[in-house]
N, C-alpha and C. Protein backbone atom coordinates (compact mmCIF):
# COMPACT_ATOMS: atom_id res chain seq x y z
N MET A 1 -1.52 -12.43 -7.58
CA MET A 1 -2.31 -12.29 -6.39
C MET A 1 -2.76 -10.89 -6.11
N LEU A 2 -4.05 -10.69 -5.81
CA LEU A 2 -4.52 -9.40 -5.49
C LEU A 2 -4.65 -9.32 -4.02
N ILE A 3 -4.37 -8.10 -3.41
CA ILE A 3 -4.66 -7.69 -2.04
C ILE A 3 -5.38 -6.47 -1.97
N ARG A 4 -6.23 -6.47 -1.13
CA ARG A 4 -6.91 -5.10 -0.55
C ARG A 4 -6.17 -4.37 0.50
N VAL A 5 -5.99 -3.07 0.23
CA VAL A 5 -5.30 -2.31 1.06
C VAL A 5 -6.10 -1.06 1.37
N LYS A 6 -6.24 -0.69 2.67
CA LYS A 6 -6.73 0.62 3.12
C LYS A 6 -5.39 1.49 3.53
N VAL A 7 -5.15 2.66 2.92
CA VAL A 7 -4.11 3.62 3.15
C VAL A 7 -4.55 4.61 4.04
N LYS A 8 -3.80 4.90 5.18
CA LYS A 8 -4.21 5.88 6.06
C LYS A 8 -3.03 6.95 6.03
N PRO A 9 -3.18 8.09 5.26
CA PRO A 9 -2.16 9.12 5.16
C PRO A 9 -2.02 9.92 6.32
N LYS A 10 -0.81 10.64 6.52
CA LYS A 10 -0.58 11.73 7.70
C LYS A 10 -0.61 10.87 9.02
N SER A 11 -0.05 9.66 9.12
CA SER A 11 -0.07 9.06 10.25
C SER A 11 1.27 9.29 10.94
N ARG A 12 1.32 9.08 12.18
CA ARG A 12 2.41 9.28 13.00
C ARG A 12 3.62 8.30 12.77
N GLU A 13 3.22 7.00 12.49
CA GLU A 13 4.26 5.94 12.08
C GLU A 13 3.78 5.21 10.79
N SER A 14 4.83 4.98 10.08
CA SER A 14 4.56 4.13 8.87
C SER A 14 4.54 2.61 9.48
N SER A 15 3.53 1.76 8.97
CA SER A 15 3.42 0.55 9.24
C SER A 15 2.43 -0.22 8.33
N VAL A 16 2.44 -1.65 8.33
CA VAL A 16 1.73 -2.37 7.61
C VAL A 16 1.08 -3.44 8.62
N GLU A 17 -0.26 -3.39 8.55
CA GLU A 17 -1.01 -4.40 9.47
C GLU A 17 -1.88 -5.28 8.59
N MET A 18 -1.65 -6.55 8.84
CA MET A 18 -2.51 -7.59 8.17
C MET A 18 -3.78 -8.01 8.94
N LEU A 19 -4.89 -7.77 8.24
CA LEU A 19 -6.12 -8.13 8.87
C LEU A 19 -6.59 -9.47 8.61
N GLN A 20 -6.47 -9.94 7.21
CA GLN A 20 -6.79 -11.27 6.74
C GLN A 20 -5.73 -11.51 5.82
N ALA A 21 -5.75 -12.70 5.20
CA ALA A 21 -4.70 -13.01 4.23
C ALA A 21 -4.72 -12.03 2.87
N ASP A 22 -5.75 -11.45 2.63
CA ASP A 22 -5.66 -10.56 1.54
C ASP A 22 -6.04 -9.01 1.85
N LYS A 23 -6.21 -8.76 3.08
CA LYS A 23 -6.66 -7.52 3.58
C LYS A 23 -5.44 -6.70 4.41
N PHE A 24 -5.23 -5.59 4.22
CA PHE A 24 -4.08 -4.89 4.89
C PHE A 24 -4.38 -3.49 5.20
N ILE A 25 -3.82 -2.94 6.25
CA ILE A 25 -4.11 -1.44 6.58
C ILE A 25 -2.58 -0.96 6.44
N VAL A 26 -2.33 -0.02 5.81
CA VAL A 26 -1.05 0.60 5.52
C VAL A 26 -1.06 2.04 6.04
N SER A 27 -0.37 2.37 7.01
CA SER A 27 -0.16 3.72 7.63
C SER A 27 0.97 4.46 6.92
N VAL A 28 0.91 5.48 6.50
CA VAL A 28 2.03 6.34 5.88
C VAL A 28 2.17 7.64 6.37
N LYS A 29 3.26 8.22 6.45
CA LYS A 29 3.48 9.49 7.09
C LYS A 29 3.18 10.63 6.13
N SER A 30 3.22 10.31 4.80
CA SER A 30 3.16 11.40 3.79
C SER A 30 1.74 11.81 3.56
N LYS A 31 1.52 12.98 2.97
CA LYS A 31 0.11 13.38 2.80
C LYS A 31 -0.34 12.70 1.38
N ALA A 32 -1.65 12.65 1.36
CA ALA A 32 -2.32 12.22 0.06
C ALA A 32 -2.26 13.14 -1.18
N GLU A 33 -1.07 13.53 -1.46
CA GLU A 33 -0.97 14.63 -2.42
C GLU A 33 0.06 14.23 -3.47
N LYS A 34 -0.25 14.34 -4.85
CA LYS A 34 0.68 14.06 -5.87
C LYS A 34 1.11 12.55 -5.97
N GLY A 35 0.40 11.62 -5.27
CA GLY A 35 0.80 10.31 -5.28
C GLY A 35 1.72 9.94 -4.24
N ASP A 36 2.14 10.83 -3.26
CA ASP A 36 3.11 10.52 -2.36
C ASP A 36 2.79 9.39 -1.43
N ALA A 37 1.42 9.35 -0.98
CA ALA A 37 1.03 8.35 -0.18
C ALA A 37 1.05 6.92 -0.86
N ASN A 38 0.74 7.03 -2.13
CA ASN A 38 0.74 5.71 -2.83
C ASN A 38 2.13 5.13 -3.02
N LYS A 39 3.18 6.11 -3.32
CA LYS A 39 4.48 5.81 -3.46
C LYS A 39 5.04 5.09 -2.19
N GLU A 40 4.63 5.73 -1.12
CA GLU A 40 5.20 5.23 0.26
C GLU A 40 4.48 3.98 0.65
N ALA A 41 3.28 3.80 0.27
CA ALA A 41 2.56 2.58 0.43
C ALA A 41 3.18 1.26 -0.45
N VAL A 42 3.63 1.69 -1.53
CA VAL A 42 4.26 0.61 -2.33
C VAL A 42 5.63 0.34 -1.74
N ASP A 43 6.28 1.23 -1.20
CA ASP A 43 7.63 0.91 -0.56
C ASP A 43 7.44 0.01 0.76
N LEU A 44 6.47 0.53 1.47
CA LEU A 44 6.14 -0.41 2.68
C LEU A 44 5.69 -1.83 2.35
N LEU A 45 4.93 -1.90 1.32
CA LEU A 45 4.35 -3.16 1.07
C LEU A 45 5.41 -4.12 0.42
N SER A 46 6.32 -3.39 -0.50
CA SER A 46 7.47 -4.39 -0.84
C SER A 46 8.34 -4.71 -0.01
N ASP A 47 8.61 -3.94 1.02
CA ASP A 47 9.56 -4.44 2.19
C ASP A 47 8.72 -5.46 3.08
N TYR A 48 7.44 -5.25 3.28
CA TYR A 48 6.73 -6.30 3.90
C TYR A 48 6.77 -7.80 3.37
N PHE A 49 6.54 -7.64 2.13
CA PHE A 49 6.55 -8.99 1.30
C PHE A 49 7.95 -9.51 0.78
N GLY A 50 8.86 -8.61 1.01
CA GLY A 50 10.16 -8.98 0.60
C GLY A 50 10.31 -9.12 -0.98
N ILE A 51 9.72 -8.35 -1.64
CA ILE A 51 9.77 -8.30 -3.25
C ILE A 51 10.15 -6.82 -3.63
N SER A 52 10.52 -6.84 -4.87
CA SER A 52 10.93 -5.52 -5.45
C SER A 52 9.58 -4.64 -5.76
N LYS A 53 9.81 -3.41 -5.91
CA LYS A 53 8.67 -2.50 -6.02
C LYS A 53 8.22 -2.56 -7.40
N ASN A 54 9.02 -3.14 -8.41
CA ASN A 54 8.15 -3.18 -9.80
C ASN A 54 7.40 -4.63 -9.95
N LYS A 55 7.35 -5.36 -8.91
CA LYS A 55 6.45 -6.50 -8.92
C LYS A 55 5.22 -6.16 -8.13
N LEU A 56 5.00 -4.99 -7.88
CA LEU A 56 3.72 -4.57 -7.08
C LEU A 56 2.96 -3.49 -7.91
N ARG A 57 1.83 -3.69 -8.25
CA ARG A 57 1.14 -2.77 -9.06
C ARG A 57 -0.10 -2.33 -8.45
N LEU A 58 -0.46 -1.07 -8.53
CA LEU A 58 -1.67 -0.37 -8.12
C LEU A 58 -2.73 -0.69 -9.26
N LYS A 59 -3.70 -1.52 -8.93
CA LYS A 59 -4.73 -1.87 -10.00
C LYS A 59 -5.94 -0.99 -9.90
N LYS A 60 -6.33 -0.63 -8.86
CA LYS A 60 -7.51 0.17 -8.54
C LYS A 60 -7.43 1.03 -7.30
N GLY A 61 -8.09 2.24 -7.50
CA GLY A 61 -8.05 3.08 -6.24
C GLY A 61 -6.96 4.16 -6.17
N GLY A 62 -6.50 4.64 -7.18
CA GLY A 62 -5.17 5.53 -7.15
C GLY A 62 -5.72 6.91 -6.42
N ARG A 63 -6.89 7.15 -6.40
CA ARG A 63 -7.19 8.44 -5.73
C ARG A 63 -8.22 8.24 -4.46
N GLU A 64 -8.23 6.87 -4.07
CA GLU A 64 -9.06 6.59 -2.98
C GLU A 64 -8.28 6.01 -1.77
N ARG A 65 -8.77 5.79 -0.75
CA ARG A 65 -7.95 5.19 0.45
C ARG A 65 -8.06 3.70 0.29
N SER A 66 -9.23 3.17 -0.22
CA SER A 66 -9.11 1.68 -0.44
C SER A 66 -8.64 1.39 -1.81
N LYS A 67 -7.60 0.43 -1.74
CA LYS A 67 -6.93 0.20 -3.12
C LYS A 67 -6.80 -1.27 -3.26
N ILE A 68 -6.55 -1.59 -4.48
CA ILE A 68 -6.29 -3.06 -4.83
C ILE A 68 -5.00 -3.02 -5.50
N PHE A 69 -4.01 -3.85 -4.93
CA PHE A 69 -2.77 -4.05 -5.50
C PHE A 69 -2.60 -5.29 -5.93
N GLU A 70 -1.77 -5.63 -7.02
CA GLU A 70 -1.46 -6.98 -7.49
C GLU A 70 0.03 -7.34 -7.37
N ILE A 71 0.25 -8.42 -6.73
CA ILE A 71 1.65 -8.92 -6.68
C ILE A 71 1.86 -9.77 -7.81
N CYS A 72 2.82 -9.37 -8.61
CA CYS A 72 3.13 -10.19 -10.00
C CYS A 72 4.32 -11.07 -9.47
N PRO A 73 4.43 -12.23 -10.15
CA PRO A 73 5.39 -13.32 -9.99
C PRO A 73 6.65 -12.92 -10.48
């Protein structure tokens, strides 16, 4: 299953907000440097969906705010 995620780095609070069934906004506290924001986004999404981190893959948008993640079975 593919989900579209907009990551907001340097936020005051870390959170996951669902807009639609496949669209999310993820606010992370870390900066968008050295992949720190991506790592925190993976942590938050894995907790949100109740899955392990290795079942969540970044498919597109590694250096952009709009990303596509794949949730593997």
